[in-house]
Amino acid sequence: MAMVRQPLAWGSDAWIDSYSRRTHVEGIFGNYKSAKTADLQRGWIFIVGMVKTSLMLAAVAVATNIRLLRKWAA
């Protein structure tokens, strides 16, 4: 049977802890997509394969983190 409701009660402490992870991830994705940081957008790279794409995304993550650390340290 398909799950028809959330596994955690809405608004409970456990739900808030679980849902707060989403805000962190959305912020990271926002930094990747921002023109001021990585400017990641559809069609940004033309390679085929999960391994190659994953390596490129790892490079974007490293570059974005370095850029954010430099901005934070300034």
C-alpha atoms as a PDB file:
ATOM      1  CA  MET A   1       0.000   0.000   0.000  1.00  0.00           C
ATOM      2  CA  ALA A   2       1.297   3.431  -0.871  1.00  0.00           C
ATOM      3  CA  MET A   3       2.207   5.807   1.915  1.00  0.00           C
ATOM      4  CA  VAL A   4      -0.583   8.365   2.162  1.00  0.00           C
ATOM      5  CA  ARG A   5       0.800  10.548   4.934  1.00  0.00           C
ATOM      6  CA  GLN A   6       4.037  11.825   6.384  1.00  0.00           C
ATOM      7  CA  PRO A   7       6.016   9.455   8.584  1.00  0.00           C
ATOM      8  CA  LEU A   8       6.440  12.183  11.228  1.00  0.00           C
ATOM      9  CA  ALA A   9       3.678  14.234  12.822  1.00  0.00           C
ATOM     10  CA  TRP A  10       3.567  17.707  11.272  1.00  0.00           C
ATOM     11  CA  GLY A  11       5.015  20.357  13.590  1.00  0.00           C
ATOM     12  CA  SER A  12       6.575  17.897  16.033  1.00  0.00           C
ATOM     13  CA  ASP A  13      10.182  18.343  17.141  1.00  0.00           C
ATOM     14  CA  ALA A  14      11.244  15.355  15.034  1.00  0.00           C
ATOM     15  CA  TRP A  15       9.439  16.799  11.984  1.00  0.00           C
ATOM     16  CA  ILE A  16      11.095  20.211  12.467  1.00  0.00           C
ATOM     17  CA  ASP A  17      14.533  18.580  12.777  1.00  0.00           C
ATOM     18  CA  SER A  18      13.936  16.544   9.630  1.00  0.00           C
ATOM     19  CA  TYR A  19      12.438  19.410   7.623  1.00  0.00           C
ATOM     20  CA  SER A  20      15.165  21.889   8.593  1.00  0.00           C
ATOM     21  CA  ARG A  21      17.612  19.844   6.519  1.00  0.00           C
ATOM     22  CA  ARG A  22      15.672  20.944   3.451  1.00  0.00           C
ATOM     23  CA  THR A  23      16.336  24.636   4.088  1.00  0.00           C
ATOM     24  CA  HIS A  24      20.078  23.970   4.177  1.00  0.00           C
ATOM     25  CA  VAL A  25      19.984  21.958   0.956  1.00  0.00           C
ATOM     26  CA  GLU A  26      17.853  24.582  -0.817  1.00  0.00           C
ATOM     27  CA  GLY A  27      20.397  27.233   0.171  1.00  0.00           C
ATOM     28  CA  ILE A  28      23.208  25.166  -1.303  1.00  0.00           C
ATOM     29  CA  PHE A  29      21.283  24.640  -4.537  1.00  0.00           C
ATOM     30  CA  GLY A  30      20.594  28.383  -4.614  1.00  0.00           C
ATOM     31  CA  ASN A  31      24.329  29.075  -4.424  1.00  0.00           C
ATOM     32  CA  TYR A  32      24.970  26.653  -7.279  1.00  0.00           C
ATOM     33  CA  LYS A  33      22.353  28.345  -9.472  1.00  0.00           C
ATOM     34  CA  SER A  34      23.262  31.939  -8.631  1.00  0.00           C
ATOM     35  CA  ALA A  35      25.016  33.913 -11.359  1.00  0.00           C
ATOM     36  CA  LYS A  36      27.299  35.339  -8.648  1.00  0.00           C
ATOM     37  CA  THR A  37      28.577  31.913  -7.626  1.00  0.00           C
ATOM     38  CA  ALA A  38      28.548  28.830  -9.870  1.00  0.00           C
ATOM     39  CA  ASP A  39      25.870  29.922 -12.391  1.00  0.00           C
ATOM     40  CA  LEU A  40      24.746  26.320 -12.778  1.00  0.00           C
ATOM     41  CA  GLN A  41      21.865  26.049 -15.233  1.00  0.00           C
ATOM     42  CA  ARG A  42      20.309  23.635 -17.674  1.00  0.00           C
ATOM     43  CA  GLY A  43      22.711  22.835 -20.491  1.00  0.00           C
ATOM     44  CA  TRP A  44      25.790  24.078 -18.598  1.00  0.00           C
ATOM     45  CA  ILE A  45      27.769  20.989 -19.548  1.00  0.00           C
ATOM     46  CA  PHE A  46      27.653  18.542 -22.409  1.00  0.00           C
ATOM     47  CA  ILE A  47      29.036  15.273 -21.095  1.00  0.00           C
ATOM     48  CA  VAL A  48      27.365  11.898 -20.958  1.00  0.00           C
ATOM     49  CA  GLY A  49      27.482   9.516 -18.047  1.00  0.00           C
ATOM     50  CA  MET A  50      26.715   9.527 -14.363  1.00  0.00           C
ATOM     51  CA  VAL A  51      30.367   9.312 -13.296  1.00  0.00           C
ATOM     52  CA  LYS A  52      31.494  12.242 -15.460  1.00  0.00           C
ATOM     53  CA  THR A  53      28.524  14.362 -14.428  1.00  0.00           C
ATOM     54  CA  SER A  54      29.081  13.532 -10.757  1.00  0.00           C
ATOM     55  CA  LEU A  55      32.741  14.530 -11.001  1.00  0.00           C
ATOM     56  CA  MET A  56      31.802  17.835 -12.633  1.00  0.00           C
ATOM     57  CA  LEU A  57      29.217  18.525  -9.920  1.00  0.00           C
ATOM     58  CA  ALA A  58      31.854  17.748  -7.299  1.00  0.00           C
ATOM     59  CA  ALA A  59      34.152  20.294  -8.949  1.00  0.00           C
ATOM     60  CA  VAL A  60      31.330  22.865  -8.911  1.00  0.00           C
ATOM     61  CA  ALA A  61      30.733  22.135  -5.221  1.00  0.00           C
ATOM     62  CA  VAL A  62      34.423  22.601  -4.408  1.00  0.00           C
ATOM     63  CA  ALA A  63      34.653  25.833  -6.402  1.00  0.00           C
ATOM     64  CA  THR A  64      31.489  27.201  -4.789  1.00  0.00           C
ATOM     65  CA  ASN A  65      32.713  26.314  -1.304  1.00  0.00           C
ATOM     66  CA  ILE A  66      36.065  27.999  -1.923  1.00  0.00           C
ATOM     67  CA  ARG A  67      34.312  31.098  -3.253  1.00  0.00           C
ATOM     68  CA  LEU A  68      31.982  31.226  -0.240  1.00  0.00           C
ATOM     69  CA  LEU A  69      34.876  30.721   2.206  1.00  0.00           C
ATOM     70  CA  ARG A  70      36.841  33.549   0.598  1.00  0.00           C
ATOM     71  CA  LYS A  71      33.788  35.801   0.804  1.00  0.00           C
ATOM     72  CA  TRP A  72      33.256  34.827   4.452  1.00  0.00           C
ATOM     73  CA  ALA A  73      36.913  35.446   5.360  1.00  0.00           C
ATOM     74  CA  ALA A  74      37.008  38.879   3.699  1.00  0.00           C
END
